[in-house]
Amino acid sequence: MRRTMICLVSLVAGLTMMFAGPASAAFSISKADVSAAMITPADLGGGWKRMTVPKNSDTDIQGCGANSSTTSVGQRFSVSRTFQYRASPLMVTEDVSTFTTVAAAKADMTKGIKTLQGCTSVTIDGQVWQIVRVSMPSVGDQRVRYQMSGTILTAKAGAVPVLAFFVVSRHGRHEITSTMFVAGALSPADKSVVAAASIRVGRLSTAKLAGALPR
C-alpha cells in the first residue's frame, strides 16, 4: 500500500510541474509564512493525517508538457503537503508555488492551462491515463480543475485503478494546487463523492491562504 501511495504522490508532483517549474529570485514572503497558511488535518476533518513521502521518484511521466524543462519566470519557491485518510488509499496533496509578482504568477498559470488545453491523455510508467478538464466554481483570481483516471502497477495487487481530481487556483502571486485521489474500484456514487470533495478541498486551500497572505 505504501508503494501505491508513493506512486500517487509522485504522479501529483509531476503534474504540478506543468504549472510551476524551478524557482528563482527572492522577496519578503517566506516558506514559513506560506506553510502556516496551508491546510492541516484538522481542516480536512476527522481521520486525516500528514504523510511523509520521498521527495525524489523514478516515476516516468510523458506527454501534456509533464517533462518540459521550461523554468517558471519569477517563481520564488514551493511548499507541499500530503495527507492520508486513516490507512485507506484516499489522499490529498496541497502544493503552493509563490512568485515574486502577481503578473508572474498569472502568466505561469495561464501557460499551464494552455499546456493542458486539448490534452486528453498522459503516460505514467507506461500506463495511459485519461485527462479531462471539468467544471470548477469560482474561487481565487483564477481557477481550473481536471479529472484523471488510469492505473498504477503494484507488486501485490497488479493493476490498480486510480481516480484523481486536481484543482489549480491563484491568489495574487500564489499558485495553489490541491489534489484528491483514491486507488481502487469505485462505484458511480463514490466517484461523485470524490469529485464533490475535490471542489471543497480546492476552495478550502484557496480561502485559507487568501485569508492569511497578501496577494
N, C-alpha and C. Protein backbone atom coordinates (compact mmCIF):
# COMPACT_ATOMS: atom_id res chain seq x y z
N MET A 1 0.83 -1.21 0.00
CA MET A 1 0.00 0.00 0.00
C MET A 1 0.87 1.26 0.00
N ARG A 2 1.97 1.24 0.77
CA ARG A 2 2.80 2.45 0.83
C ARG A 2 3.39 2.76 -0.54
N ARG A 3 3.81 1.72 -1.29
CA ARG A 3 4.35 1.95 -2.62
C ARG A 3 3.28 2.58 -3.51
N THR A 4 2.05 2.13 -3.35
CA THR A 4 0.94 2.71 -4.10
C THR A 4 0.81 4.20 -3.79
N MET A 5 0.88 4.53 -2.50
CA MET A 5 0.76 5.93 -2.09
C MET A 5 1.89 6.78 -2.65
N ILE A 6 3.11 6.23 -2.62
CA ILE A 6 4.26 6.97 -3.12
C ILE A 6 4.12 7.23 -4.63
N CYS A 7 3.63 6.22 -5.36
CA CYS A 7 3.42 6.39 -6.80
C CYS A 7 2.41 7.50 -7.08
N LEU A 8 1.35 7.53 -6.29
CA LEU A 8 0.32 8.53 -6.48
C LEU A 8 0.85 9.92 -6.19
N VAL A 9 1.60 10.08 -5.12
CA VAL A 9 2.15 11.38 -4.77
C VAL A 9 3.17 11.82 -5.83
N SER A 10 3.95 10.89 -6.33
CA SER A 10 4.91 11.21 -7.39
C SER A 10 4.18 11.69 -8.64
N LEU A 11 3.06 11.05 -8.93
CA LEU A 11 2.24 11.47 -10.06
C LEU A 11 1.81 12.92 -9.91
N VAL A 12 1.30 13.24 -8.73
CA VAL A 12 0.82 14.60 -8.49
C VAL A 12 1.96 15.60 -8.59
N ALA A 13 3.13 15.24 -8.08
CA ALA A 13 4.28 16.14 -8.17
C ALA A 13 4.63 16.43 -9.62
N GLY A 14 4.57 15.41 -10.47
CA GLY A 14 4.86 15.60 -11.88
C GLY A 14 3.84 16.49 -12.55
N LEU A 15 2.57 16.31 -12.21
CA LEU A 15 1.52 17.12 -12.81
C LEU A 15 1.64 18.57 -12.36
N THR A 16 2.02 18.77 -11.11
CA THR A 16 2.18 20.13 -10.60
C THR A 16 3.23 20.88 -11.39
N MET A 17 4.26 20.17 -11.87
CA MET A 17 5.32 20.81 -12.64
C MET A 17 4.83 21.38 -13.96
N MET A 18 3.66 20.93 -14.43
CA MET A 18 3.10 21.51 -15.65
C MET A 18 2.75 22.97 -15.42
N PHE A 19 2.44 23.30 -14.18
CA PHE A 19 2.03 24.66 -13.86
C PHE A 19 3.15 25.48 -13.23
N ALA A 20 4.13 24.84 -12.62
CA ALA A 20 5.19 25.59 -11.95
C ALA A 20 6.51 24.84 -12.04
N GLY A 21 7.53 25.50 -12.56
CA GLY A 21 8.84 24.88 -12.71
C GLY A 21 9.80 25.31 -11.62
N PRO A 22 11.11 25.20 -11.83
CA PRO A 22 12.10 25.55 -10.82
C PRO A 22 12.00 27.00 -10.36
N ALA A 23 12.40 27.26 -9.14
CA ALA A 23 12.25 28.59 -8.55
C ALA A 23 13.40 29.52 -8.93
N SER A 24 13.14 30.82 -8.73
CA SER A 24 14.18 31.82 -8.97
C SER A 24 13.87 33.08 -8.17
N ALA A 25 14.85 33.97 -8.04
CA ALA A 25 14.68 35.29 -7.40
C ALA A 25 14.33 35.18 -5.92
N ALA A 26 14.01 36.35 -5.29
CA ALA A 26 13.72 36.37 -3.87
C ALA A 26 12.82 37.55 -3.53
N PHE A 27 12.02 37.40 -2.44
CA PHE A 27 11.24 38.53 -1.95
C PHE A 27 10.76 38.21 -0.54
N SER A 28 9.93 39.06 0.06
CA SER A 28 9.75 39.03 1.50
C SER A 28 8.97 37.87 2.09
N ILE A 29 7.95 37.35 1.42
CA ILE A 29 7.17 36.26 1.99
C ILE A 29 8.03 35.00 2.06
N SER A 30 8.04 34.35 3.22
CA SER A 30 8.91 33.20 3.43
C SER A 30 8.15 31.88 3.29
N LYS A 31 8.90 30.79 3.21
CA LYS A 31 8.28 29.47 3.18
C LYS A 31 7.48 29.22 4.46
N ALA A 32 7.99 29.73 5.57
CA ALA A 32 7.29 29.56 6.84
C ALA A 32 5.93 30.25 6.81
N ASP A 33 5.88 31.42 6.19
CA ASP A 33 4.62 32.15 6.06
C ASP A 33 3.61 31.34 5.26
N VAL A 34 4.07 30.80 4.14
CA VAL A 34 3.19 30.02 3.28
C VAL A 34 2.75 28.73 3.97
N SER A 35 3.71 28.06 4.61
CA SER A 35 3.39 26.81 5.31
C SER A 35 2.32 27.01 6.37
N ALA A 36 2.40 28.14 7.08
CA ALA A 36 1.43 28.42 8.14
C ALA A 36 0.04 28.69 7.58
N ALA A 37 -0.04 29.03 6.29
CA ALA A 37 -1.33 29.35 5.67
C ALA A 37 -1.94 28.16 4.94
N MET A 38 -1.27 27.01 4.98
CA MET A 38 -1.76 25.84 4.26
C MET A 38 -2.70 25.01 5.11
N ILE A 39 -3.42 24.10 4.47
CA ILE A 39 -4.40 23.29 5.19
C ILE A 39 -3.71 22.29 6.12
N THR A 40 -4.46 21.83 7.11
CA THR A 40 -3.98 20.88 8.10
C THR A 40 -4.95 19.71 8.17
N PRO A 41 -4.58 18.62 8.84
CA PRO A 41 -5.54 17.51 9.01
C PRO A 41 -6.84 17.96 9.66
N ALA A 42 -6.75 18.89 10.60
CA ALA A 42 -7.96 19.39 11.27
C ALA A 42 -8.90 20.08 10.29
N ASP A 43 -8.35 20.76 9.29
CA ASP A 43 -9.17 21.42 8.28
C ASP A 43 -9.94 20.40 7.44
N LEU A 44 -9.32 19.25 7.20
CA LEU A 44 -9.93 18.22 6.37
C LEU A 44 -10.98 17.41 7.12
N GLY A 45 -10.84 17.31 8.43
CA GLY A 45 -11.81 16.57 9.23
C GLY A 45 -11.20 15.37 9.92
N GLY A 46 -12.01 14.66 10.70
CA GLY A 46 -11.54 13.52 11.46
C GLY A 46 -11.00 12.40 10.58
N GLY A 47 -9.94 11.77 11.05
CA GLY A 47 -9.37 10.64 10.34
C GLY A 47 -8.22 10.98 9.40
N TRP A 48 -8.00 12.28 9.13
CA TRP A 48 -6.92 12.67 8.23
C TRP A 48 -5.62 12.87 9.00
N LYS A 49 -4.49 12.56 8.35
CA LYS A 49 -3.17 12.71 8.97
C LYS A 49 -2.16 13.11 7.91
N ARG A 50 -1.09 13.77 8.36
CA ARG A 50 0.01 14.11 7.45
C ARG A 50 0.75 12.83 7.08
N MET A 51 1.27 12.80 5.86
CA MET A 51 2.04 11.64 5.38
C MET A 51 3.35 12.14 4.82
N THR A 52 4.43 11.48 5.20
CA THR A 52 5.75 11.85 4.69
C THR A 52 6.11 10.91 3.55
N VAL A 53 6.49 11.48 2.42
CA VAL A 53 6.88 10.68 1.25
C VAL A 53 8.22 11.16 0.73
N PRO A 54 8.95 10.31 0.02
CA PRO A 54 10.24 10.73 -0.54
C PRO A 54 10.06 11.89 -1.50
N LYS A 55 11.05 12.80 -1.52
CA LYS A 55 10.98 13.95 -2.42
C LYS A 55 11.31 13.57 -3.85
N ASN A 56 12.16 12.56 -4.03
CA ASN A 56 12.57 12.16 -5.37
C ASN A 56 11.90 10.85 -5.76
N SER A 57 11.64 10.68 -7.04
CA SER A 57 10.99 9.46 -7.51
C SER A 57 11.46 9.15 -8.91
N ASP A 58 11.40 7.85 -9.26
CA ASP A 58 11.75 7.45 -10.62
C ASP A 58 10.51 7.33 -11.49
N THR A 59 9.38 7.86 -11.03
CA THR A 59 8.17 7.83 -11.83
C THR A 59 8.38 8.56 -13.15
N ASP A 60 8.02 7.89 -14.25
CA ASP A 60 8.21 8.45 -15.59
C ASP A 60 6.88 8.98 -16.11
N ILE A 61 6.79 10.27 -16.36
CA ILE A 61 5.57 10.90 -16.87
C ILE A 61 5.87 11.51 -18.23
N GLN A 62 5.09 11.13 -19.23
CA GLN A 62 5.30 11.59 -20.59
C GLN A 62 4.02 12.22 -21.13
N GLY A 63 4.18 13.34 -21.86
CA GLY A 63 3.05 13.97 -22.52
C GLY A 63 2.47 15.13 -21.73
N CYS A 64 1.69 15.95 -22.41
CA CYS A 64 1.00 17.09 -21.80
C CYS A 64 1.95 18.07 -21.12
N GLY A 65 3.19 18.12 -21.57
CA GLY A 65 4.15 19.07 -21.00
C GLY A 65 4.73 18.66 -19.67
N ALA A 66 4.49 17.40 -19.25
CA ALA A 66 4.94 16.97 -17.92
C ALA A 66 6.45 16.96 -17.79
N ASN A 67 7.18 16.73 -18.90
CA ASN A 67 8.63 16.71 -18.82
C ASN A 67 9.25 17.94 -19.49
N SER A 68 8.50 19.02 -19.48
CA SER A 68 9.04 20.27 -20.01
C SER A 68 10.10 20.82 -19.06
N SER A 69 11.18 21.37 -19.62
CA SER A 69 12.26 21.91 -18.78
C SER A 69 12.16 23.42 -18.64
N THR A 70 11.06 23.99 -19.12
CA THR A 70 10.91 25.44 -19.07
C THR A 70 10.82 25.94 -17.63
N THR A 71 11.63 26.92 -17.28
CA THR A 71 11.62 27.48 -15.94
C THR A 71 10.48 28.49 -15.80
N SER A 72 9.78 28.43 -14.68
CA SER A 72 8.72 29.39 -14.40
C SER A 72 9.36 30.72 -14.01
N VAL A 73 9.13 31.73 -14.81
CA VAL A 73 9.74 33.04 -14.58
C VAL A 73 9.17 33.67 -13.31
N GLY A 74 10.05 34.04 -12.39
CA GLY A 74 9.63 34.74 -11.19
C GLY A 74 9.16 33.87 -10.05
N GLN A 75 9.23 32.56 -10.19
CA GLN A 75 8.81 31.70 -9.08
C GLN A 75 9.88 31.71 -7.99
N ARG A 76 9.45 31.95 -6.76
CA ARG A 76 10.38 32.02 -5.63
C ARG A 76 10.61 30.66 -5.00
N PHE A 77 9.53 29.96 -4.65
CA PHE A 77 9.65 28.64 -4.01
C PHE A 77 8.29 27.96 -4.04
N SER A 78 8.27 26.70 -3.63
CA SER A 78 7.01 25.98 -3.46
C SER A 78 7.06 25.17 -2.18
N VAL A 79 5.89 24.95 -1.60
CA VAL A 79 5.76 24.17 -0.37
C VAL A 79 4.67 23.13 -0.60
N SER A 80 4.94 21.88 -0.22
CA SER A 80 3.99 20.79 -0.46
C SER A 80 3.65 20.05 0.83
N ARG A 81 2.42 19.52 0.85
CA ARG A 81 1.96 18.68 1.95
C ARG A 81 1.13 17.53 1.40
N THR A 82 1.19 16.41 2.09
CA THR A 82 0.40 15.25 1.70
C THR A 82 -0.36 14.73 2.90
N PHE A 83 -1.61 14.35 2.66
CA PHE A 83 -2.48 13.85 3.73
C PHE A 83 -3.11 12.52 3.31
N GLN A 84 -3.31 11.65 4.28
CA GLN A 84 -3.94 10.35 4.03
C GLN A 84 -5.12 10.16 4.98
N TYR A 85 -6.21 9.58 4.47
CA TYR A 85 -7.36 9.32 5.32
C TYR A 85 -7.22 7.94 5.96
N ARG A 86 -7.01 7.95 7.26
CA ARG A 86 -6.78 6.72 8.03
C ARG A 86 -5.71 5.88 7.33
N ALA A 87 -5.96 4.58 7.10
CA ALA A 87 -4.99 3.74 6.39
C ALA A 87 -5.48 3.43 4.98
N SER A 88 -6.39 4.25 4.48
CA SER A 88 -7.02 3.99 3.18
C SER A 88 -6.20 4.57 2.04
N PRO A 89 -6.52 4.18 0.80
CA PRO A 89 -5.84 4.76 -0.37
C PRO A 89 -6.50 6.05 -0.85
N LEU A 90 -7.06 6.81 0.09
CA LEU A 90 -7.65 8.13 -0.21
C LEU A 90 -6.69 9.18 0.30
N MET A 91 -6.25 10.06 -0.60
CA MET A 91 -5.23 11.04 -0.24
C MET A 91 -5.52 12.41 -0.80
N VAL A 92 -4.93 13.40 -0.15
CA VAL A 92 -5.00 14.79 -0.60
C VAL A 92 -3.58 15.36 -0.57
N THR A 93 -3.23 16.10 -1.60
CA THR A 93 -1.97 16.84 -1.58
C THR A 93 -2.27 18.32 -1.80
N GLU A 94 -1.42 19.15 -1.26
CA GLU A 94 -1.50 20.59 -1.48
C GLU A 94 -0.11 21.11 -1.80
N ASP A 95 0.00 21.87 -2.87
CA ASP A 95 1.27 22.47 -3.26
C ASP A 95 1.03 23.95 -3.54
N VAL A 96 1.81 24.80 -2.89
CA VAL A 96 1.70 26.24 -3.10
C VAL A 96 3.01 26.75 -3.70
N SER A 97 2.91 27.35 -4.88
CA SER A 97 4.06 27.99 -5.51
C SER A 97 3.89 29.50 -5.39
N THR A 98 4.90 30.15 -4.83
CA THR A 98 4.84 31.59 -4.60
C THR A 98 5.80 32.31 -5.55
N PHE A 99 5.29 33.36 -6.19
CA PHE A 99 6.04 34.10 -7.19
C PHE A 99 6.40 35.49 -6.66
N THR A 100 7.33 36.12 -7.33
CA THR A 100 7.76 37.45 -6.89
C THR A 100 6.73 38.53 -7.20
N THR A 101 5.92 38.32 -8.22
CA THR A 101 4.89 39.30 -8.58
C THR A 101 3.59 38.60 -8.95
N VAL A 102 2.49 39.35 -8.88
CA VAL A 102 1.19 38.83 -9.30
C VAL A 102 1.21 38.51 -10.79
N ALA A 103 1.84 39.38 -11.58
CA ALA A 103 1.90 39.20 -13.02
C ALA A 103 2.61 37.89 -13.38
N ALA A 104 3.69 37.58 -12.66
CA ALA A 104 4.44 36.35 -12.94
C ALA A 104 3.60 35.12 -12.64
N ALA A 105 2.86 35.15 -11.53
CA ALA A 105 2.00 34.02 -11.18
C ALA A 105 0.88 33.84 -12.19
N LYS A 106 0.28 34.95 -12.62
CA LYS A 106 -0.79 34.88 -13.61
C LYS A 106 -0.29 34.32 -14.92
N ALA A 107 0.89 34.77 -15.35
CA ALA A 107 1.46 34.29 -16.60
C ALA A 107 1.76 32.80 -16.53
N ASP A 108 2.27 32.35 -15.39
CA ASP A 108 2.62 30.95 -15.23
C ASP A 108 1.38 30.06 -15.25
N MET A 109 0.33 30.48 -14.56
CA MET A 109 -0.88 29.67 -14.53
C MET A 109 -1.54 29.64 -15.90
N THR A 110 -1.55 30.76 -16.58
CA THR A 110 -2.11 30.81 -17.92
C THR A 110 -1.35 29.88 -18.86
N LYS A 111 -0.04 29.84 -18.70
CA LYS A 111 0.79 28.94 -19.51
C LYS A 111 0.44 27.49 -19.22
N GLY A 112 0.23 27.15 -17.93
CA GLY A 112 -0.12 25.79 -17.57
C GLY A 112 -1.45 25.35 -18.16
N ILE A 113 -2.43 26.26 -18.13
CA ILE A 113 -3.74 25.95 -18.70
C ILE A 113 -3.63 25.70 -20.20
N LYS A 114 -2.83 26.54 -20.87
CA LYS A 114 -2.65 26.37 -22.31
C LYS A 114 -1.93 25.07 -22.62
N THR A 115 -1.00 24.67 -21.74
CA THR A 115 -0.27 23.42 -21.94
C THR A 115 -1.22 22.23 -21.96
N LEU A 116 -2.22 22.25 -21.06
CA LEU A 116 -3.15 21.13 -20.97
C LEU A 116 -4.35 21.26 -21.90
N GLN A 117 -4.48 22.41 -22.55
CA GLN A 117 -5.61 22.60 -23.45
C GLN A 117 -5.50 21.61 -24.62
N GLY A 118 -6.53 20.84 -24.82
CA GLY A 118 -6.53 19.86 -25.88
C GLY A 118 -5.82 18.57 -25.53
N CYS A 119 -5.22 18.48 -24.34
CA CYS A 119 -4.54 17.27 -23.91
C CYS A 119 -5.57 16.28 -23.36
N THR A 120 -5.59 15.08 -23.88
CA THR A 120 -6.59 14.09 -23.45
C THR A 120 -5.99 12.90 -22.72
N SER A 121 -4.66 12.74 -22.79
CA SER A 121 -4.05 11.60 -22.11
C SER A 121 -2.60 11.91 -21.77
N VAL A 122 -2.08 11.19 -20.78
CA VAL A 122 -0.69 11.29 -20.37
C VAL A 122 -0.23 9.89 -20.01
N THR A 123 1.03 9.57 -20.27
CA THR A 123 1.55 8.23 -20.00
C THR A 123 2.41 8.26 -18.74
N ILE A 124 2.06 7.42 -17.77
CA ILE A 124 2.75 7.37 -16.49
C ILE A 124 3.26 5.96 -16.26
N ASP A 125 4.58 5.81 -16.21
CA ASP A 125 5.19 4.49 -16.06
C ASP A 125 4.62 3.49 -17.06
N GLY A 126 4.43 3.96 -18.29
CA GLY A 126 3.95 3.08 -19.35
C GLY A 126 2.45 2.89 -19.39
N GLN A 127 1.72 3.43 -18.42
CA GLN A 127 0.27 3.30 -18.37
C GLN A 127 -0.37 4.59 -18.88
N VAL A 128 -1.36 4.46 -19.77
CA VAL A 128 -2.03 5.63 -20.33
C VAL A 128 -3.16 6.07 -19.40
N TRP A 129 -3.12 7.35 -19.03
CA TRP A 129 -4.15 7.95 -18.18
C TRP A 129 -4.97 8.93 -19.01
N GLN A 130 -6.27 8.95 -18.75
CA GLN A 130 -7.15 9.91 -19.41
C GLN A 130 -7.22 11.18 -18.57
N ILE A 131 -7.24 12.30 -19.23
CA ILE A 131 -7.32 13.58 -18.52
C ILE A 131 -8.35 14.47 -19.21
N VAL A 132 -9.20 15.11 -18.41
CA VAL A 132 -10.24 15.97 -18.96
C VAL A 132 -10.47 17.15 -18.02
N ARG A 133 -10.67 18.31 -18.59
CA ARG A 133 -10.99 19.48 -17.77
C ARG A 133 -12.46 19.41 -17.36
N VAL A 134 -12.74 19.66 -16.08
CA VAL A 134 -14.10 19.63 -15.57
C VAL A 134 -14.41 20.96 -14.88
N SER A 135 -15.67 21.19 -14.61
CA SER A 135 -16.09 22.48 -14.07
C SER A 135 -15.56 22.72 -12.66
N MET A 136 -15.31 23.98 -12.35
CA MET A 136 -14.86 24.40 -11.02
C MET A 136 -15.52 25.71 -10.68
N PRO A 137 -16.26 25.78 -9.56
CA PRO A 137 -16.88 27.04 -9.15
C PRO A 137 -15.84 28.12 -8.94
N SER A 138 -16.27 29.36 -9.01
CA SER A 138 -15.36 30.49 -8.88
C SER A 138 -14.65 30.49 -7.52
N VAL A 139 -13.34 30.61 -7.57
CA VAL A 139 -12.52 30.72 -6.36
C VAL A 139 -11.20 31.37 -6.76
N GLY A 140 -10.72 32.29 -5.95
CA GLY A 140 -9.46 32.96 -6.24
C GLY A 140 -9.52 33.84 -7.48
N ASP A 141 -8.35 34.25 -7.95
CA ASP A 141 -8.25 35.11 -9.12
C ASP A 141 -8.35 34.31 -10.43
N GLN A 142 -7.91 33.06 -10.38
CA GLN A 142 -8.01 32.12 -11.50
C GLN A 142 -8.24 30.74 -10.91
N ARG A 143 -8.88 29.86 -11.67
CA ARG A 143 -9.07 28.51 -11.18
C ARG A 143 -9.35 27.57 -12.34
N VAL A 144 -8.95 26.30 -12.18
CA VAL A 144 -9.21 25.27 -13.18
C VAL A 144 -9.18 23.93 -12.46
N ARG A 145 -9.96 22.95 -12.95
CA ARG A 145 -9.99 21.63 -12.32
C ARG A 145 -9.95 20.56 -13.42
N TYR A 146 -9.19 19.49 -13.15
CA TYR A 146 -9.07 18.39 -14.10
C TYR A 146 -9.38 17.07 -13.40
N GLN A 147 -9.91 16.14 -14.18
CA GLN A 147 -10.13 14.77 -13.71
C GLN A 147 -9.17 13.86 -14.45
N MET A 148 -8.53 12.95 -13.71
CA MET A 148 -7.64 11.97 -14.32
C MET A 148 -8.05 10.57 -13.88
N SER A 149 -7.95 9.62 -14.77
CA SER A 149 -8.22 8.23 -14.43
C SER A 149 -7.24 7.34 -15.16
N GLY A 150 -6.74 6.35 -14.45
CA GLY A 150 -5.76 5.44 -15.03
C GLY A 150 -5.46 4.32 -14.07
N THR A 151 -4.31 3.69 -14.25
CA THR A 151 -3.92 2.59 -13.37
C THR A 151 -2.46 2.74 -12.97
N ILE A 152 -2.13 2.17 -11.82
CA ILE A 152 -0.74 2.02 -11.40
C ILE A 152 -0.49 0.54 -11.16
N LEU A 153 0.72 0.11 -11.40
CA LEU A 153 1.07 -1.30 -11.25
C LEU A 153 1.69 -1.54 -9.87
N THR A 154 1.15 -2.51 -9.14
CA THR A 154 1.67 -2.84 -7.81
C THR A 154 2.10 -4.30 -7.78
N ALA A 155 3.02 -4.61 -6.89
CA ALA A 155 3.55 -5.97 -6.81
C ALA A 155 2.50 -6.97 -6.34
N LYS A 156 1.65 -6.57 -5.40
CA LYS A 156 0.69 -7.49 -4.82
C LYS A 156 -0.65 -7.53 -5.55
N ALA A 157 -1.14 -6.37 -5.93
CA ALA A 157 -2.49 -6.30 -6.50
C ALA A 157 -2.51 -6.16 -8.01
N GLY A 158 -1.34 -6.05 -8.63
CA GLY A 158 -1.30 -5.87 -10.07
C GLY A 158 -1.73 -4.48 -10.47
N ALA A 159 -2.55 -4.38 -11.49
CA ALA A 159 -3.01 -3.08 -11.97
C ALA A 159 -4.14 -2.57 -11.08
N VAL A 160 -3.93 -1.40 -10.47
CA VAL A 160 -4.92 -0.81 -9.56
C VAL A 160 -5.48 0.46 -10.19
N PRO A 161 -6.81 0.56 -10.33
CA PRO A 161 -7.39 1.77 -10.90
C PRO A 161 -7.26 2.96 -9.95
N VAL A 162 -7.07 4.13 -10.51
CA VAL A 162 -6.93 5.35 -9.71
C VAL A 162 -7.79 6.45 -10.33
N LEU A 163 -8.48 7.18 -9.46
CA LEU A 163 -9.23 8.36 -9.88
C LEU A 163 -8.66 9.56 -9.16
N ALA A 164 -8.38 10.63 -9.89
CA ALA A 164 -7.80 11.83 -9.28
C ALA A 164 -8.47 13.08 -9.82
N PHE A 165 -8.62 14.07 -8.95
CA PHE A 165 -9.08 15.40 -9.36
C PHE A 165 -8.06 16.39 -8.84
N PHE A 166 -7.58 17.29 -9.70
CA PHE A 166 -6.71 18.33 -9.17
C PHE A 166 -7.20 19.71 -9.58
N VAL A 167 -7.18 20.59 -8.58
CA VAL A 167 -7.63 21.96 -8.73
C VAL A 167 -6.42 22.87 -8.66
N VAL A 168 -6.27 23.75 -9.65
CA VAL A 168 -5.22 24.76 -9.60
C VAL A 168 -5.90 26.12 -9.52
N SER A 169 -5.58 26.87 -8.49
CA SER A 169 -6.17 28.20 -8.32
C SER A 169 -5.05 29.20 -8.04
N ARG A 170 -5.40 30.48 -8.12
CA ARG A 170 -4.39 31.52 -7.88
C ARG A 170 -4.96 32.60 -6.99
N HIS A 171 -4.19 32.94 -5.96
CA HIS A 171 -4.48 34.10 -5.12
C HIS A 171 -3.31 35.05 -5.28
N GLY A 172 -3.49 36.09 -6.09
CA GLY A 172 -2.40 37.04 -6.32
C GLY A 172 -1.17 36.35 -6.86
N ARG A 173 -0.07 36.38 -6.11
CA ARG A 173 1.20 35.79 -6.53
C ARG A 173 1.35 34.33 -6.10
N HIS A 174 0.32 33.75 -5.53
CA HIS A 174 0.38 32.37 -5.04
C HIS A 174 -0.45 31.44 -5.91
N GLU A 175 0.17 30.37 -6.39
CA GLU A 175 -0.50 29.37 -7.22
C GLU A 175 -0.69 28.11 -6.37
N ILE A 176 -1.93 27.68 -6.21
CA ILE A 176 -2.27 26.61 -5.29
C ILE A 176 -2.79 25.40 -6.06
N THR A 177 -2.16 24.26 -5.88
CA THR A 177 -2.63 23.02 -6.49
C THR A 177 -3.06 22.07 -5.39
N SER A 178 -4.34 21.73 -5.38
CA SER A 178 -4.85 20.75 -4.41
C SER A 178 -5.39 19.55 -5.18
N THR A 179 -5.02 18.37 -4.74
CA THR A 179 -5.39 17.15 -5.44
C THR A 179 -6.01 16.15 -4.49
N MET A 180 -7.10 15.55 -4.92
CA MET A 180 -7.70 14.44 -4.18
C MET A 180 -7.67 13.23 -5.08
N PHE A 181 -7.15 12.12 -4.59
CA PHE A 181 -7.08 10.93 -5.41
C PHE A 181 -7.27 9.68 -4.56
N VAL A 182 -7.80 8.63 -5.20
CA VAL A 182 -8.10 7.40 -4.50
C VAL A 182 -7.80 6.22 -5.42
N ALA A 183 -7.24 5.17 -4.83
CA ALA A 183 -6.93 3.96 -5.58
C ALA A 183 -7.97 2.89 -5.26
N GLY A 184 -8.31 2.09 -6.27
CA GLY A 184 -9.28 1.03 -6.09
C GLY A 184 -10.53 1.26 -6.91
N ALA A 185 -11.31 0.20 -7.09
CA ALA A 185 -12.54 0.29 -7.86
C ALA A 185 -13.58 1.12 -7.12
N LEU A 186 -14.25 2.03 -7.83
CA LEU A 186 -15.25 2.90 -7.24
C LEU A 186 -16.58 2.78 -7.98
N SER A 187 -17.66 2.89 -7.25
CA SER A 187 -18.98 2.93 -7.86
C SER A 187 -19.22 4.34 -8.39
N PRO A 188 -20.20 4.53 -9.28
CA PRO A 188 -20.52 5.88 -9.75
C PRO A 188 -20.83 6.84 -8.61
N ALA A 189 -21.51 6.34 -7.58
CA ALA A 189 -21.84 7.20 -6.43
C ALA A 189 -20.57 7.63 -5.70
N ASP A 190 -19.63 6.69 -5.53
CA ASP A 190 -18.37 7.01 -4.87
C ASP A 190 -17.58 8.04 -5.66
N LYS A 191 -17.58 7.90 -6.99
CA LYS A 191 -16.87 8.85 -7.84
C LYS A 191 -17.44 10.26 -7.69
N SER A 192 -18.76 10.33 -7.56
CA SER A 192 -19.41 11.64 -7.38
C SER A 192 -19.01 12.26 -6.06
N VAL A 193 -18.87 11.44 -5.03
CA VAL A 193 -18.45 11.94 -3.72
C VAL A 193 -17.03 12.50 -3.79
N VAL A 194 -16.14 11.77 -4.44
CA VAL A 194 -14.75 12.23 -4.57
C VAL A 194 -14.69 13.52 -5.38
N ALA A 195 -15.48 13.59 -6.46
CA ALA A 195 -15.50 14.79 -7.29
C ALA A 195 -15.94 16.01 -6.48
N ALA A 196 -17.00 15.86 -5.70
CA ALA A 196 -17.51 16.96 -4.88
C ALA A 196 -16.50 17.35 -3.81
N ALA A 197 -15.84 16.35 -3.22
CA ALA A 197 -14.86 16.62 -2.18
C ALA A 197 -13.65 17.38 -2.74
N SER A 198 -13.30 17.11 -3.99
CA SER A 198 -12.15 17.82 -4.59
C SER A 198 -12.45 19.31 -4.73
N ILE A 199 -13.70 19.65 -5.00
CA ILE A 199 -14.08 21.06 -5.06
C ILE A 199 -13.97 21.71 -3.68
N ARG A 200 -14.45 20.98 -2.68
CA ARG A 200 -14.41 21.52 -1.31
C ARG A 200 -12.96 21.77 -0.88
N VAL A 201 -12.07 20.82 -1.17
CA VAL A 201 -10.67 20.97 -0.78
C VAL A 201 -10.02 22.13 -1.55
N GLY A 202 -10.34 22.25 -2.83
CA GLY A 202 -9.80 23.35 -3.62
C GLY A 202 -10.22 24.70 -3.08
N ARG A 203 -11.48 24.81 -2.73
CA ARG A 203 -11.98 26.05 -2.14
C ARG A 203 -11.33 26.32 -0.79
N LEU A 204 -11.22 25.29 0.01
CA LEU A 204 -10.63 25.42 1.35
C LEU A 204 -9.19 25.89 1.27
N SER A 205 -8.40 25.26 0.41
CA SER A 205 -6.99 25.62 0.28
C SER A 205 -6.84 27.08 -0.13
N THR A 206 -7.63 27.49 -1.11
CA THR A 206 -7.52 28.86 -1.61
C THR A 206 -7.99 29.87 -0.57
N ALA A 207 -9.12 29.60 0.07
CA ALA A 207 -9.68 30.53 1.04
C ALA A 207 -8.76 30.69 2.25
N LYS A 208 -8.17 29.59 2.71
CA LYS A 208 -7.29 29.68 3.89
C LYS A 208 -6.05 30.50 3.58
N LEU A 209 -5.45 30.25 2.43
CA LEU A 209 -4.26 31.00 2.07
C LEU A 209 -4.59 32.48 1.83
N ALA A 210 -5.73 32.73 1.16
CA ALA A 210 -6.12 34.12 0.88
C ALA A 210 -6.40 34.89 2.16
N GLY A 211 -6.87 34.20 3.18
CA GLY A 211 -7.16 34.86 4.44
C GLY A 211 -5.92 35.16 5.27
N ALA A 212 -4.80 34.54 4.91
CA ALA A 212 -3.58 34.67 5.72
C ALA A 212 -2.46 35.46 5.04
N LEU A 213 -2.45 35.46 3.70
CA LEU A 213 -1.33 36.07 2.98
C LEU A 213 -1.81 37.15 2.03
N PRO A 214 -1.00 38.20 1.84
CA PRO A 214 -1.38 39.25 0.86
C PRO A 214 -1.26 38.71 -0.56
N ARG A 215 -1.97 39.36 -1.45
CA ARG A 215 -1.92 38.95 -2.84
C ARG A 215 -0.52 39.18 -3.42
